[in-house]
Amino acid sequence: MGFSKVCKLCNKKKDAERYQKKKDKILTQKKRYYRRQKERQNEKGGLLEGDEK
């Protein structure tokens, strides 16, 4: 990746704290993203469940 001013363990701890504080918001964003992606795939004629290439 590259150089970081913070060690991996410190970064991991910071990310875990951030996730716990904003868990609801993060999960809401993830759900919205996957819902939109599914809609876009359906609009493009993407594979539906059970369909084969």
N, C-alpha and C. Protein backbone atom coordinates (compact mmCIF):
# COMPACT_ATOMS: atom_id res chain seq x y z
N MET A 1 0.81 -1.19 0.00
CA MET A 1 0.00 0.00 0.00
C MET A 1 0.86 1.26 0.00
N GLY A 2 1.64 1.39 1.00
CA GLY A 2 2.44 2.60 1.12
C GLY A 2 2.80 2.84 2.56
N PHE A 3 3.32 4.00 2.80
CA PHE A 3 3.75 4.33 4.16
C PHE A 3 2.62 5.00 4.93
N SER A 4 2.58 4.72 6.21
CA SER A 4 1.56 5.30 7.08
C SER A 4 2.24 5.83 8.33
N LYS A 5 1.68 6.87 8.89
CA LYS A 5 2.23 7.45 10.11
C LYS A 5 1.81 6.66 11.34
N VAL A 6 0.87 5.74 11.16
CA VAL A 6 0.31 4.99 12.28
C VAL A 6 0.54 3.50 12.02
N CYS A 7 0.85 2.75 13.08
CA CYS A 7 1.07 1.30 12.93
C CYS A 7 -0.26 0.59 12.64
N LYS A 8 -0.16 -0.64 12.17
CA LYS A 8 -1.35 -1.41 11.81
C LYS A 8 -2.28 -1.62 13.01
N LEU A 9 -1.70 -1.93 14.17
CA LEU A 9 -2.54 -2.17 15.35
C LEU A 9 -3.29 -0.91 15.77
N CYS A 10 -2.61 0.23 15.72
CA CYS A 10 -3.28 1.49 16.08
C CYS A 10 -4.39 1.81 15.08
N ASN A 11 -4.12 1.58 13.81
CA ASN A 11 -5.12 1.81 12.77
C ASN A 11 -6.33 0.90 12.97
N LYS A 12 -6.06 -0.36 13.29
CA LYS A 12 -7.14 -1.32 13.51
C LYS A 12 -8.01 -0.89 14.69
N LYS A 13 -7.37 -0.46 15.76
CA LYS A 13 -8.10 -0.01 16.95
C LYS A 13 -8.95 1.22 16.63
N LYS A 14 -8.38 2.16 15.91
CA LYS A 14 -9.09 3.38 15.54
C LYS A 14 -10.30 3.06 14.65
N ASP A 15 -10.10 2.17 13.68
CA ASP A 15 -11.20 1.78 12.78
C ASP A 15 -12.32 1.08 13.55
N ALA A 16 -11.95 0.23 14.51
CA ALA A 16 -12.95 -0.48 15.30
C ALA A 16 -13.77 0.50 16.14
N GLU A 17 -13.11 1.48 16.72
CA GLU A 17 -13.82 2.49 17.51
C GLU A 17 -14.76 3.30 16.63
N ARG A 18 -14.29 3.69 15.46
CA ARG A 18 -15.11 4.45 14.51
C ARG A 18 -16.33 3.64 14.10
N TYR A 19 -16.13 2.36 13.82
CA TYR A 19 -17.23 1.50 13.40
C TYR A 19 -18.28 1.39 14.50
N GLN A 20 -17.85 1.22 15.74
CA GLN A 20 -18.79 1.10 16.85
C GLN A 20 -19.59 2.38 17.05
N LYS A 21 -18.94 3.52 16.87
CA LYS A 21 -19.63 4.80 17.05
C LYS A 21 -20.65 5.05 15.94
N LYS A 22 -20.33 4.63 14.72
CA LYS A 22 -21.17 4.94 13.56
C LYS A 22 -21.76 3.69 12.92
N LYS A 23 -21.93 2.64 13.69
CA LYS A 23 -22.37 1.36 13.17
C LYS A 23 -23.67 1.45 12.39
N ASP A 24 -24.67 2.11 12.95
CA ASP A 24 -25.98 2.21 12.28
C ASP A 24 -25.86 2.92 10.94
N LYS A 25 -25.13 4.02 10.91
CA LYS A 25 -24.97 4.80 9.68
C LYS A 25 -24.23 3.98 8.62
N ILE A 26 -23.18 3.29 9.03
CA ILE A 26 -22.40 2.48 8.09
C ILE A 26 -23.25 1.36 7.50
N LEU A 27 -24.00 0.67 8.35
CA LEU A 27 -24.84 -0.43 7.87
C LEU A 27 -25.94 0.07 6.94
N THR A 28 -26.50 1.24 7.25
CA THR A 28 -27.52 1.84 6.38
C THR A 28 -26.94 2.15 5.01
N GLN A 29 -25.73 2.71 4.98
CA GLN A 29 -25.08 3.03 3.72
C GLN A 29 -24.80 1.77 2.91
N LYS A 30 -24.35 0.71 3.58
CA LYS A 30 -24.07 -0.54 2.89
C LYS A 30 -25.33 -1.13 2.27
N LYS A 31 -26.43 -1.12 3.04
CA LYS A 31 -27.70 -1.64 2.53
C LYS A 31 -28.16 -0.85 1.31
N ARG A 32 -28.05 0.49 1.39
CA ARG A 32 -28.46 1.35 0.28
C ARG A 32 -27.60 1.06 -0.95
N TYR A 33 -26.30 0.91 -0.76
CA TYR A 33 -25.40 0.64 -1.88
C TYR A 33 -25.78 -0.67 -2.58
N TYR A 34 -25.94 -1.75 -1.80
CA TYR A 34 -26.24 -3.03 -2.40
C TYR A 34 -27.62 -3.06 -3.06
N ARG A 35 -28.59 -2.33 -2.48
CA ARG A 35 -29.91 -2.24 -3.09
C ARG A 35 -29.82 -1.53 -4.44
N ARG A 36 -29.08 -0.42 -4.49
CA ARG A 36 -28.93 0.32 -5.75
C ARG A 36 -28.19 -0.51 -6.79
N GLN A 37 -27.16 -1.22 -6.36
CA GLN A 37 -26.41 -2.05 -7.31
C GLN A 37 -27.31 -3.13 -7.89
N LYS A 38 -28.14 -3.73 -7.08
CA LYS A 38 -29.05 -4.77 -7.54
C LYS A 38 -30.03 -4.19 -8.56
N GLU A 39 -30.55 -2.98 -8.28
CA GLU A 39 -31.47 -2.33 -9.22
C GLU A 39 -30.78 -2.03 -10.54
N ARG A 40 -29.55 -1.56 -10.48
CA ARG A 40 -28.80 -1.24 -11.71
C ARG A 40 -28.56 -2.49 -12.54
N GLN A 41 -28.21 -3.58 -11.89
CA GLN A 41 -27.99 -4.83 -12.61
C GLN A 41 -29.28 -5.30 -13.28
N ASN A 42 -30.40 -5.15 -12.59
CA ASN A 42 -31.67 -5.56 -13.18
C ASN A 42 -32.03 -4.68 -14.37
N GLU A 43 -31.71 -3.38 -14.29
CA GLU A 43 -31.99 -2.47 -15.40
C GLU A 43 -31.15 -2.82 -16.62
N LYS A 44 -29.91 -3.24 -16.39
CA LYS A 44 -29.00 -3.57 -17.48
C LYS A 44 -29.27 -4.96 -18.05
N GLY A 45 -30.19 -5.67 -17.44
CA GLY A 45 -30.47 -7.02 -17.91
C GLY A 45 -29.49 -8.02 -17.34
N GLY A 46 -28.98 -7.71 -16.16
CA GLY A 46 -28.05 -8.61 -15.49
C GLY A 46 -28.72 -9.92 -15.15
N LEU A 47 -27.92 -10.85 -14.72
CA LEU A 47 -28.46 -12.17 -14.38
C LEU A 47 -29.37 -12.08 -13.17
N LEU A 48 -30.50 -12.73 -13.27
CA LEU A 48 -31.41 -12.84 -12.15
C LEU A 48 -31.17 -14.18 -11.48
N GLU A 49 -31.71 -14.35 -10.30
CA GLU A 49 -31.53 -15.61 -9.59
C GLU A 49 -32.08 -16.76 -10.43
N GLY A 50 -31.28 -17.81 -10.55
CA GLY A 50 -31.72 -18.98 -11.29
C GLY A 50 -31.37 -18.94 -12.77
N ASP A 51 -31.03 -17.78 -13.31
CA ASP A 51 -30.66 -17.68 -14.72
C ASP A 51 -29.22 -18.13 -14.91
N GLU A 52 -28.93 -18.66 -16.08
CA GLU A 52 -27.57 -19.07 -16.41
C GLU A 52 -27.11 -18.31 -17.63
N LYS A 53 -25.80 -18.20 -17.76
CA LYS A 53 -25.22 -17.52 -18.94
C LYS A 53 -25.34 -18.35 -20.17
